[in-house]
Amino acid sequence: MYSSSYSRSLLSSSDAVNSSIWLIVSIILAVVGGILIYFLFLSKKNEGYKWQ
């Protein structure tokens, strides 16, 4: 009979929530990866190592 815009607005808000969740997850993974790279390769312990 009639078209409801409620389902479309609900869908778009859930898409926004999903994309914001993925944004937060990717930021957390980037920070953890940066910390791992720092401690594995750039720490003072590895400073004297010479690459061949």
N, C-alpha and C. Protein backbone atom coordinates (compact mmCIF):
# COMPACT_ATOMS: atom_id res chain seq x y z
N MET A 1 0.80 -1.19 0.00
CA MET A 1 0.00 0.00 0.00
C MET A 1 0.85 1.27 0.00
N TYR A 2 1.73 1.37 0.97
CA TYR A 2 2.57 2.57 1.03
C TYR A 2 4.00 2.16 1.34
N SER A 3 4.89 3.00 0.97
CA SER A 3 6.31 2.73 1.17
C SER A 3 6.79 3.42 2.44
N SER A 4 7.46 2.69 3.28
CA SER A 4 7.96 3.26 4.52
C SER A 4 9.44 3.56 4.38
N SER A 5 9.82 4.77 4.78
CA SER A 5 11.24 5.11 4.73
C SER A 5 11.96 4.70 6.01
N TYR A 6 11.22 4.14 6.98
CA TYR A 6 11.83 3.72 8.24
C TYR A 6 12.86 2.63 8.03
N SER A 7 12.53 1.64 7.20
CA SER A 7 13.46 0.53 6.98
C SER A 7 14.72 1.01 6.27
N ARG A 8 14.57 1.97 5.35
CA ARG A 8 15.75 2.49 4.66
C ARG A 8 16.63 3.30 5.61
N SER A 9 16.04 4.10 6.48
CA SER A 9 16.85 4.88 7.41
C SER A 9 17.49 3.98 8.46
N LEU A 10 16.80 2.92 8.86
CA LEU A 10 17.38 1.96 9.81
C LEU A 10 18.56 1.25 9.18
N LEU A 11 18.43 0.90 7.90
CA LEU A 11 19.52 0.23 7.20
C LEU A 11 20.72 1.15 7.08
N SER A 12 20.50 2.41 6.76
CA SER A 12 21.63 3.31 6.60
C SER A 12 22.31 3.58 7.94
N SER A 13 21.54 3.62 9.04
CA SER A 13 22.17 3.82 10.34
C SER A 13 22.96 2.60 10.76
N SER A 14 22.50 1.40 10.42
CA SER A 14 23.28 0.22 10.75
C SER A 14 24.54 0.14 9.90
N ASP A 15 24.47 0.63 8.66
CA ASP A 15 25.68 0.69 7.83
C ASP A 15 26.69 1.66 8.43
N ALA A 16 26.20 2.76 8.97
CA ALA A 16 27.11 3.72 9.61
C ALA A 16 27.74 3.11 10.85
N VAL A 17 26.98 2.35 11.61
CA VAL A 17 27.52 1.70 12.81
C VAL A 17 28.56 0.66 12.40
N ASN A 18 28.26 -0.11 11.36
CA ASN A 18 29.22 -1.12 10.90
C ASN A 18 30.51 -0.48 10.41
N SER A 19 30.41 0.60 9.67
CA SER A 19 31.63 1.23 9.17
C SER A 19 32.42 1.88 10.29
N SER A 20 31.73 2.42 11.30
CA SER A 20 32.46 3.01 12.42
C SER A 20 33.13 1.92 13.26
N ILE A 21 32.51 0.76 13.38
CA ILE A 21 33.14 -0.35 14.10
C ILE A 21 34.40 -0.80 13.38
N TRP A 22 34.33 -0.91 12.05
CA TRP A 22 35.52 -1.31 11.28
C TRP A 22 36.60 -0.25 11.36
N LEU A 23 36.20 1.02 11.42
CA LEU A 23 37.18 2.09 11.56
C LEU A 23 37.91 1.99 12.89
N ILE A 24 37.18 1.74 13.97
CA ILE A 24 37.80 1.60 15.30
C ILE A 24 38.71 0.39 15.34
N VAL A 25 38.27 -0.73 14.77
CA VAL A 25 39.09 -1.94 14.75
C VAL A 25 40.37 -1.72 13.96
N SER A 26 40.28 -1.04 12.83
CA SER A 26 41.48 -0.81 12.02
C SER A 26 42.45 0.15 12.71
N ILE A 27 41.93 1.14 13.43
CA ILE A 27 42.81 2.04 14.18
C ILE A 27 43.53 1.28 15.29
N ILE A 28 42.81 0.41 16.00
CA ILE A 28 43.43 -0.38 17.07
C ILE A 28 44.51 -1.30 16.49
N LEU A 29 44.22 -1.94 15.36
CA LEU A 29 45.22 -2.82 14.74
C LEU A 29 46.44 -2.03 14.26
N ALA A 30 46.23 -0.83 13.76
CA ALA A 30 47.35 -0.01 13.32
C ALA A 30 48.23 0.40 14.50
N VAL A 31 47.62 0.75 15.63
CA VAL A 31 48.40 1.13 16.81
C VAL A 31 49.18 -0.06 17.34
N VAL A 32 48.52 -1.21 17.44
CA VAL A 32 49.21 -2.42 17.92
C VAL A 32 50.34 -2.81 16.97
N GLY A 33 50.11 -2.72 15.67
CA GLY A 33 51.16 -3.03 14.70
C GLY A 33 52.33 -2.07 14.81
N GLY A 34 52.05 -0.79 15.01
CA GLY A 34 53.12 0.18 15.19
C GLY A 34 53.95 -0.09 16.43
N ILE A 35 53.29 -0.46 17.52
CA ILE A 35 54.01 -0.79 18.76
C ILE A 35 54.87 -2.03 18.56
N LEU A 36 54.33 -3.04 17.88
CA LEU A 36 55.11 -4.26 17.62
C LEU A 36 56.32 -3.96 16.74
N ILE A 37 56.14 -3.16 15.71
CA ILE A 37 57.27 -2.82 14.84
C ILE A 37 58.33 -2.06 15.62
N TYR A 38 57.90 -1.15 16.49
CA TYR A 38 58.87 -0.40 17.29
C TYR A 38 59.68 -1.32 18.17
N PHE A 39 59.01 -2.21 18.91
CA PHE A 39 59.74 -3.08 19.83
C PHE A 39 60.52 -4.18 19.14
N LEU A 40 60.08 -4.61 17.96
CA LEU A 40 60.80 -5.67 17.27
C LEU A 40 61.99 -5.16 16.46
N PHE A 41 61.88 -3.96 15.88
CA PHE A 41 62.90 -3.51 14.95
C PHE A 41 63.59 -2.21 15.34
N LEU A 42 62.93 -1.35 16.09
CA LEU A 42 63.47 -0.02 16.31
C LEU A 42 63.90 0.25 17.75
N SER A 43 63.85 -0.75 18.60
CA SER A 43 64.22 -0.52 20.00
C SER A 43 65.74 -0.39 20.13
N LYS A 44 66.18 0.12 21.26
CA LYS A 44 67.62 0.32 21.51
C LYS A 44 68.39 -0.99 21.50
N LYS A 45 67.73 -2.08 21.85
CA LYS A 45 68.39 -3.38 21.88
C LYS A 45 68.88 -3.78 20.49
N ASN A 46 68.15 -3.41 19.46
CA ASN A 46 68.51 -3.78 18.10
C ASN A 46 69.30 -2.70 17.38
N GLU A 47 69.69 -1.65 18.08
CA GLU A 47 70.34 -0.52 17.41
C GLU A 47 71.70 -0.86 16.84
N GLY A 48 72.47 -1.72 17.51
CA GLY A 48 73.80 -2.03 17.04
C GLY A 48 73.88 -3.10 15.98
N TYR A 49 72.74 -3.68 15.63
CA TYR A 49 72.74 -4.76 14.64
C TYR A 49 72.99 -4.22 13.24
N LYS A 50 73.89 -4.84 12.51
CA LYS A 50 74.20 -4.41 11.14
C LYS A 50 73.54 -5.35 10.15
N TRP A 51 72.82 -4.79 9.21
CA TRP A 51 72.20 -5.61 8.17
C TRP A 51 73.27 -6.01 7.17
N GLN A 52 73.18 -7.23 6.64
CA GLN A 52 74.19 -7.73 5.72
C GLN A 52 73.78 -7.54 4.29
